Amino acid sequence: MGGAVSAGEDNDELIDNLKEAHYIRSELVEQAFRAIDRADYYLEEFRENAYKDLAWRHGNIHLSAPCIYSEVMEALDLQPGLSFLNLGSGTGYLSTMVGLILGPFGVNHGVELHGDVIEYAYQKLDTFIKTSDSFDKFEFCEPSFVAGNCLEITPGCRQYDRVYCGAGVQREHEEYMRSLLKIGGILVLPLEEKLTKITRTGSNTWETKKIIAVSFAPLVQPKNRSSEKTRIVPLPILEVRTLQDLSRITIRHTLKLNLNQDKVKSGSLTKYSTKFKRKRMYRRRMDSVLLANKHMFVSRVIPSTMDNNNNCDHVDEDRLEEDEEAVEDREQYDLKPDPPINLLREKVLSLPLPEPLKLYLLYYREK
C-alpha cells in the first residue's frame, strides 16, 4: 500500500510531498514527521528506499507507507497529556512520532507480537534519544512496548484516549477494539479494507468515519489453547515519575521557554519554513533538463548566436560548461548552510552546575 505521492530525496522532501498531496494537514503532525528521519528505521542496506511512499517489510520488521502514517496521525487528533495504545507497534516509528506530541505527561504504550521486533524498536528509540537533535526540540513521552498478541490483552484492562491497530481487523474483533477506548477517545484501524476512525461519544454511542481504502495484513489470530493455558498479555506498567525526573522535565521546560522569549525579543522566532527545500527541488529539476537535453535548455535560456544569413549557429559549448559550473557553485553555496545550533544543549552546558548534573539534564546524550 502506498505510492500516493512521489519519492523524495530526503525526509524533508518526502514531507513536502505529503503536504502538497494533503496527507499532512496540521502543523503538529508536520513537526513530528520532520523531527524523525524515516530512513533511521530501515536496515542500512535498504535505506535508499526510505523516502518512497511505499510500505517496507524485511522478515518481521515492517513499516507502513508514509501516506498511511500521515492519515493515521491526522485522524488520531493527538494532544499533549493523552494516553495512546499502539497495537502492532512494530519498529516504534509511529509511537516515537506520537510521543513528540503527547509530551512528558502522556502515556505511550505498544503491544507487538514479535520479540525480535521489540528489541529492534528499543534500539531505534535509544538511538533517537541519544543522537537526534530533534529530541531537544520537544518534550518527549517515551514509548514502552510489551510482547504478545494484542487480541489476548488482560480482560477489563485500563482504557486509552487514543488507540491504533496496525493490522487488518476482522469485523468480529471490532467490539473488542472499541472496549479499549475511553469515552471521548478515538480508535483508528483498518476495518474491511478501509482505514476507519471510530470516536466513542458515550458509554454505548459511537461515530464512525471511513478515511481511505487500504490493504493491511490481517491480525494474527490467537492459537487455540485450553482455558487453563490461555495466555494473557499484560499492558505496560503505568509508572509514577520520580521527583528527580520531574525536576529534569521542569528545568528543561523552563530553559526552552526562556530561549523562546529571547528569540521573540530578538525577532528571530519563526515557524518552520520549507522554502529552502523547495528551492533545492527546483534546481535539481533544472539540472536534470540541462544534462538530459542541453540544446533544449539552452534554446530557452541562452540566446543563440546568428550568422550573416540569419541561420542558427551551433551552441557555444564553452559557455554552456561555464553556466553548468556556475549553477553547481551556487548550489554548493546555497545548499550547505551551517548546521543548526542546539540551543538547549548550549544553554545547559553554560549553566554553573556540576558536570554529572549537566549530563543528567541532557539525558546523557552523545551530541
Protein backbone atom coordinates (compact mmCIF):
# COMPACT_ATOMS: atom_id res chain seq x y z
CA MET A 1 0.00 0.00 0.00
CA GLY A 2 1.29 3.45 -0.84
CA GLY A 3 2.66 5.23 -3.88
CA ALA A 4 0.22 8.13 -3.49
CA VAL A 5 3.00 10.75 -3.61
CA SER A 6 6.28 10.96 -5.47
CA ALA A 7 9.51 9.92 -3.80
CA GLY A 8 11.68 12.46 -2.03
CA GLU A 9 15.45 12.60 -1.94
CA ASP A 10 15.45 13.04 1.83
CA ASN A 11 12.99 13.12 4.72
CA ASP A 12 12.05 16.79 4.28
CA GLU A 13 11.26 16.36 0.59
CA LEU A 14 9.07 13.38 1.45
CA ILE A 15 7.17 15.54 3.97
CA ASP A 16 6.87 18.35 1.41
CA ASN A 17 5.24 15.89 -0.99
CA LEU A 18 2.86 14.59 1.69
CA LYS A 19 1.83 18.17 2.49
CA GLU A 20 1.26 19.04 -1.16
CA ALA A 21 -0.96 15.97 -1.52
CA HIS A 22 -2.86 16.99 1.69
CA TYR A 23 -1.99 13.84 3.61
CA ILE A 24 -0.29 16.01 6.22
CA ARG A 25 -2.62 18.87 7.13
CA SER A 26 -1.73 20.07 10.64
CA GLU A 27 1.37 21.77 11.98
CA LEU A 28 1.77 19.35 14.91
CA VAL A 29 1.81 16.33 12.61
CA GLU A 30 4.22 18.02 10.20
CA GLN A 31 6.63 18.84 13.04
CA ALA A 32 6.58 15.23 14.26
CA PHE A 33 7.25 13.83 10.78
CA ARG A 34 10.12 16.24 10.15
CA ALA A 35 11.68 15.50 13.54
CA ILE A 36 12.23 11.81 12.84
CA ASP A 37 14.05 10.59 9.74
CA ARG A 38 12.12 7.65 8.30
CA ALA A 39 15.36 6.15 6.96
CA ASP A 40 16.64 5.70 10.53
CA TYR A 41 14.08 2.91 10.96
CA TYR A 42 15.26 0.97 7.91
CA LEU A 43 18.03 -1.59 7.87
CA GLU A 44 21.15 0.03 6.45
CA GLU A 45 21.08 -1.91 3.17
CA PHE A 46 17.53 -0.71 2.43
CA ARG A 47 17.83 2.98 3.36
CA GLU A 48 17.77 4.11 -0.27
CA ASN A 49 14.06 3.17 -0.40
CA ALA A 50 13.08 5.02 2.77
CA TYR A 51 11.69 8.13 1.07
CA LYS A 52 9.39 6.31 -1.32
CA ASP A 53 5.71 6.32 -0.44
CA LEU A 54 5.68 2.55 -0.08
CA ALA A 55 5.36 0.03 2.71
CA TRP A 56 8.50 -1.95 3.58
CA ARG A 57 8.95 -5.37 5.14
CA HIS A 58 12.01 -7.44 5.95
CA GLY A 59 11.33 -10.55 7.98
CA ASN A 60 9.17 -9.44 10.91
CA ILE A 61 10.23 -5.78 10.57
CA HIS A 62 7.57 -3.71 8.85
CA LEU A 63 6.77 -0.06 8.09
CA SER A 64 3.54 1.19 6.52
CA ALA A 65 3.63 3.67 3.65
CA PRO A 66 4.19 7.33 4.65
CA CYS A 67 0.76 8.35 3.28
CA ILE A 68 -0.88 5.81 5.63
CA TYR A 69 1.04 7.02 8.69
CA SER A 70 0.09 10.60 7.75
CA GLU A 71 -3.61 9.77 7.66
CA VAL A 72 -3.32 7.85 10.94
CA MET A 73 -1.56 10.71 12.73
CA GLU A 74 -4.11 13.24 11.48
CA ALA A 75 -7.09 11.02 12.40
CA LEU A 76 -5.82 10.41 15.94
CA ASP A 77 -6.08 14.15 16.72
CA LEU A 78 -3.26 13.92 19.26
CA GLN A 79 -2.84 16.41 22.11
CA PRO A 80 -0.30 16.71 24.97
CA GLY A 81 -1.09 14.58 28.01
CA LEU A 82 -3.25 11.94 26.29
CA SER A 83 -2.81 8.18 26.62
CA PHE A 84 -2.02 6.16 23.47
CA LEU A 85 -2.03 2.42 22.75
CA ASN A 86 -0.38 1.12 19.57
CA LEU A 87 -1.48 -2.43 18.68
CA GLY A 88 1.20 -3.92 16.46
CA SER A 89 3.77 -1.26 17.40
CA GLY A 90 6.49 -2.67 15.12
CA THR A 91 9.66 -0.61 14.76
CA GLY A 92 8.37 2.13 17.08
CA TYR A 93 8.48 4.75 14.30
CA LEU A 94 4.84 5.77 14.76
CA SER A 95 5.00 5.53 18.56
CA THR A 96 8.03 7.81 18.64
CA MET A 97 6.31 10.45 16.48
CA VAL A 98 3.24 10.22 18.74
CA GLY A 99 5.49 10.67 21.80
CA LEU A 100 6.74 14.01 20.46
CA ILE A 101 3.18 15.34 20.61
CA LEU A 102 2.00 13.68 23.85
CA GLY A 103 4.77 15.28 25.91
CA PRO A 104 6.23 14.05 29.21
CA PHE A 105 2.89 13.65 30.97
CA GLY A 106 1.24 11.46 28.36
CA VAL A 107 1.10 7.65 28.19
CA ASN A 108 2.65 5.87 25.20
CA HIS A 109 2.23 2.08 25.12
CA GLY A 110 2.67 -0.54 22.42
CA VAL A 111 1.91 -4.25 22.01
CA GLU A 112 3.97 -6.19 19.44
CA LEU A 113 3.68 -9.85 18.51
CA HIS A 114 7.36 -10.45 17.71
CA GLY A 115 10.06 -10.22 20.39
CA ASP A 116 12.84 -9.51 17.85
CA VAL A 117 10.89 -6.50 16.55
CA ILE A 118 10.53 -5.12 20.09
CA GLU A 119 14.29 -5.40 20.52
CA TYR A 120 14.74 -3.56 17.21
CA ALA A 121 12.28 -0.85 18.31
CA TYR A 122 14.14 -0.24 21.57
CA GLN A 123 17.44 0.02 19.68
CA LYS A 124 15.96 2.68 17.40
CA LEU A 125 14.41 4.51 20.35
CA ASP A 126 17.74 4.57 22.19
CA THR A 127 19.49 5.92 19.10
CA PHE A 128 16.89 8.66 18.71
CA ILE A 129 17.18 9.79 22.33
CA LYS A 130 20.99 9.73 22.34
CA THR A 131 21.82 11.20 18.95
CA SER A 132 18.94 13.15 17.38
CA ASP A 133 18.89 16.93 17.77
CA SER A 134 15.12 16.73 17.38
CA PHE A 135 14.90 15.20 20.84
CA ASP A 136 15.85 18.52 22.46
CA LYS A 137 13.24 20.43 20.47
CA PHE A 138 10.34 18.51 22.01
CA GLU A 139 9.17 17.33 25.40
CA PHE A 140 9.00 13.60 24.84
CA CYS A 141 6.72 10.80 26.01
CA GLU A 142 8.94 7.74 25.77
CA PRO A 143 7.09 4.67 24.46
CA SER A 144 7.02 1.31 26.29
CA PHE A 145 6.46 -1.98 24.48
CA VAL A 146 5.34 -5.45 25.55
CA ALA A 147 5.38 -8.71 23.60
CA GLY A 148 2.22 -10.61 22.86
CA ASN A 149 -0.87 -10.93 20.70
CA CYS A 150 -3.00 -7.81 21.02
CA LEU A 151 -6.14 -9.97 20.94
CA GLU A 152 -5.09 -11.51 24.27
CA ILE A 153 -4.80 -8.35 26.37
CA THR A 154 -5.85 -8.69 30.01
CA PRO A 155 -9.68 -8.62 30.22
CA GLY A 156 -11.06 -5.46 31.82
CA CYS A 157 -7.74 -3.64 31.32
CA ARG A 158 -7.45 0.13 31.51
CA GLN A 159 -8.70 2.20 28.61
CA TYR A 160 -6.90 4.78 26.47
CA ASP A 161 -7.65 8.15 24.87
CA ARG A 162 -6.23 7.06 21.53
CA VAL A 163 -5.82 3.56 20.06
CA TYR A 164 -4.33 2.50 16.73
CA CYS A 165 -4.20 -1.00 15.28
CA GLY A 166 -1.62 -1.60 12.56
CA ALA A 167 -3.16 -4.78 11.12
CA GLY A 168 -6.41 -5.58 9.35
CA VAL A 169 -9.21 -6.09 11.87
CA GLN A 170 -11.95 -8.61 11.21
CA ARG A 171 -15.47 -7.43 11.95
CA GLU A 172 -15.75 -10.00 14.76
CA HIS A 173 -12.98 -8.17 16.68
CA GLU A 174 -14.34 -4.63 16.26
CA GLU A 175 -16.17 -4.68 19.60
CA TYR A 176 -13.03 -5.89 21.36
CA MET A 177 -11.07 -2.95 19.90
CA ARG A 178 -13.76 -0.49 20.97
CA SER A 179 -13.57 -1.80 24.55
CA LEU A 180 -10.02 -0.42 24.83
CA LEU A 181 -11.25 3.16 24.34
CA LYS A 182 -12.28 5.80 26.89
CA ILE A 183 -15.37 7.92 26.38
CA GLY A 184 -14.33 10.75 24.10
CA GLY A 185 -11.48 8.64 22.74
CA ILE A 186 -10.54 7.84 19.13
CA LEU A 187 -9.79 4.44 17.60
CA VAL A 188 -8.11 4.23 14.17
CA LEU A 189 -7.90 0.84 12.48
CA PRO A 190 -8.09 -0.90 9.10
CA LEU A 191 -11.60 -2.37 9.01
CA GLU A 192 -12.89 -4.19 5.93
CA GLU A 193 -10.24 -2.70 3.63
CA LYS A 194 -10.90 0.87 4.83
CA LEU A 195 -8.86 2.91 7.27
CA THR A 196 -11.57 3.79 9.77
CA LYS A 197 -11.86 6.37 12.54
CA ILE A 198 -14.20 5.46 15.41
CA THR A 199 -14.94 8.06 18.10
CA ARG A 200 -16.54 6.99 21.36
CA THR A 201 -19.15 9.67 22.12
CA GLY A 202 -20.75 7.96 25.13
CA SER A 203 -20.98 4.72 27.08
CA ASN A 204 -22.67 2.99 24.17
CA THR A 205 -22.57 5.55 21.37
CA TRP A 206 -20.05 5.82 18.55
CA GLU A 207 -19.31 7.84 15.45
CA THR A 208 -17.64 6.07 12.52
CA LYS A 209 -15.83 7.64 9.57
CA LYS A 210 -14.18 5.88 6.64
CA ILE A 211 -10.91 7.62 5.68
CA ILE A 212 -9.22 5.87 2.74
CA ALA A 213 -9.07 2.44 1.13
CA VAL A 214 -6.13 0.39 2.44
CA SER A 215 -4.69 -3.09 2.27
CA PHE A 216 -3.25 -4.47 5.51
CA ALA A 217 -2.20 -7.96 6.52
CA PRO A 218 -4.88 -9.34 8.89
CA LEU A 219 -4.43 -9.63 12.63
CA VAL A 220 -2.79 -12.88 13.68
CA GLN A 221 -5.39 -14.96 15.46
CA PRO A 222 -4.51 -16.40 18.88
CA LYS A 223 -3.52 -20.04 18.89
CA ASN A 224 -6.14 -22.47 20.13
CA ARG A 225 -5.42 -23.13 23.78
CA SER A 226 -7.32 -24.78 26.57
CA SER A 227 -8.85 -22.34 29.07
CA GLU A 228 -6.20 -23.35 31.61
CA LYS A 229 -3.39 -22.32 29.26
CA THR A 230 -4.81 -19.13 27.80
CA ARG A 231 -2.05 -16.55 27.59
CA ILE A 232 -2.89 -13.13 28.96
CA VAL A 233 -0.87 -10.16 27.69
CA PRO A 234 -0.35 -7.53 30.41
CA LEU A 235 -0.14 -3.94 29.22
CA PRO A 236 2.95 -1.87 30.14
CA ILE A 237 3.04 -0.63 33.70
CA LEU A 238 1.93 2.92 34.40
CA GLU A 239 4.96 4.27 36.23
CA VAL A 240 4.78 7.30 38.50
CA ARG A 241 7.58 9.73 37.68
CA THR A 242 10.21 10.27 40.33
CA LEU A 243 10.82 13.71 41.84
CA GLN A 244 14.23 13.70 40.18
CA ASP A 245 12.70 13.06 36.76
CA LEU A 246 10.02 15.72 37.29
CA SER A 247 12.75 18.22 38.20
CA ARG A 248 14.61 17.49 34.96
CA ILE A 249 11.43 17.95 32.92
CA THR A 250 10.64 21.24 34.66
CA ILE A 251 14.17 22.64 34.28
CA ARG A 252 14.35 21.75 30.59
CA HIS A 253 10.88 23.23 30.01
CA THR A 254 11.85 26.47 31.77
CA LEU A 255 15.06 26.76 29.73
CA LYS A 256 13.12 26.29 26.49
CA LEU A 257 10.63 28.99 27.47
CA ASN A 258 13.49 31.39 28.22
CA LEU A 259 15.15 30.60 24.89
CA ASN A 260 11.88 31.21 23.03
CA GLN A 261 11.37 34.51 24.85
CA ASP A 262 14.88 35.57 23.83
CA LYS A 263 14.05 34.70 20.22
CA VAL A 264 10.84 36.72 20.36
CA LYS A 265 12.70 39.75 21.73
CA SER A 266 15.34 39.48 19.03
CA GLY A 267 12.74 38.90 16.33
CA SER A 268 14.30 35.59 15.28
CA LEU A 269 11.42 33.29 16.28
CA THR A 270 9.91 31.93 13.07
CA LYS A 271 7.88 28.91 12.11
CA TYR A 272 9.47 26.06 10.22
CA SER A 273 9.80 27.03 6.59
CA THR A 274 10.11 24.74 3.56
CA LYS A 275 11.34 27.44 1.19
CA PHE A 276 14.89 26.18 1.37
CA LYS A 277 13.86 22.66 0.43
CA ARG A 278 11.58 23.77 -2.35
CA LYS A 279 14.31 25.91 -3.83
CA ARG A 280 16.62 22.94 -3.91
CA MET A 281 13.96 20.76 -5.55
CA TYR A 282 13.54 23.33 -8.31
CA ARG A 283 17.25 23.46 -9.01
CA ARG A 284 17.52 19.72 -9.17
CA ARG A 285 14.77 19.60 -11.77
CA MET A 286 16.51 22.30 -13.74
CA ASP A 287 19.78 20.34 -13.71
CA SER A 288 18.04 17.21 -14.98
CA VAL A 289 16.77 19.12 -18.02
CA LEU A 290 20.18 20.64 -18.62
CA LEU A 291 22.00 17.31 -18.56
CA ALA A 292 19.37 15.33 -20.44
CA ASN A 293 18.90 17.77 -23.31
CA LYS A 294 21.41 20.56 -23.36
CA HIS A 295 20.21 22.13 -26.60
CA MET A 296 16.60 22.30 -25.38
CA PHE A 297 17.65 24.04 -22.18
CA VAL A 298 19.97 26.46 -23.97
CA SER A 299 17.37 27.39 -26.57
CA ARG A 300 15.08 28.54 -23.76
CA VAL A 301 17.54 30.32 -21.54
CA ILE A 302 20.65 31.27 -23.53
CA PRO A 303 20.16 33.27 -26.73
CA SER A 304 21.72 31.50 -29.72
CA THR A 305 24.21 33.32 -31.94
CA MET A 306 23.12 34.08 -35.53
CA ASP A 307 25.26 34.06 -38.68
CA ASN A 308 25.04 36.57 -41.54
CA ASN A 309 22.31 34.52 -43.24
CA ASN A 310 20.09 34.61 -40.13
CA ASN A 311 20.60 30.87 -39.53
CA CYS A 312 21.10 29.48 -36.04
CA ASP A 313 24.72 28.69 -35.37
CA HIS A 314 25.95 25.89 -33.07
CA VAL A 315 25.79 26.45 -29.33
CA ASP A 316 28.95 27.67 -27.67
CA GLU A 317 29.95 24.61 -25.61
CA ASP A 318 32.47 26.55 -23.52
CA ARG A 319 29.77 28.98 -22.45
CA LEU A 320 27.46 26.08 -21.62
CA GLU A 321 30.09 24.46 -19.42
CA GLU A 322 30.64 27.76 -17.63
CA ASP A 323 26.91 28.00 -16.95
CA GLU A 324 26.87 24.47 -15.56
CA GLU A 325 29.77 25.28 -13.25
CA ALA A 326 28.03 28.47 -12.12
CA VAL A 327 24.89 26.52 -11.21
CA GLU A 328 26.96 23.98 -9.26
CA ASP A 329 28.81 26.77 -7.43
CA ARG A 330 25.54 28.45 -6.47
CA GLU A 331 24.12 25.15 -5.25
CA GLN A 332 27.15 24.44 -3.12
CA TYR A 333 26.87 27.91 -1.62
CA ASP A 334 23.09 27.82 -1.10
CA LEU A 335 22.58 24.18 -0.14
CA LYS A 336 25.20 23.71 2.54
CA PRO A 337 24.23 26.02 5.40
CA ASP A 338 25.89 25.81 8.74
CA PRO A 339 24.35 23.06 10.87
CA PRO A 340 21.76 24.44 13.32
CA ILE A 341 22.94 25.04 16.85
CA ASN A 342 21.25 23.01 19.59
CA LEU A 343 20.41 26.00 21.78
CA LEU A 344 19.04 23.96 24.67
CA ARG A 345 22.20 21.89 24.86
CA GLU A 346 24.39 25.00 24.71
CA LYS A 347 22.34 26.62 27.47
CA VAL A 348 22.59 23.59 29.75
CA LEU A 349 26.35 23.32 29.22
CA SER A 350 26.76 27.00 30.13
CA LEU A 351 24.99 26.64 33.48
CA PRO A 352 27.16 26.81 36.65
CA LEU A 353 26.35 23.22 37.60
CA PRO A 354 28.40 20.08 38.29
CA GLU A 355 29.14 18.08 35.16
CA PRO A 356 27.14 15.00 36.27
CA LEU A 357 24.05 17.19 36.72
CA LYS A 358 24.52 18.73 33.27
CA LEU A 359 24.77 15.27 31.74
CA TYR A 360 21.62 14.23 33.56
CA LEU A 361 19.74 17.27 32.22
CA LEU A 362 20.92 16.30 28.73
CA TYR A 363 19.79 12.66 29.14
CA TYR A 364 23.46 11.67 28.71
CA ARG A 365 23.13 12.42 25.02
CA GLU A 366 26.10 11.71 22.79
CA LYS A 367 25.91 15.04 20.94
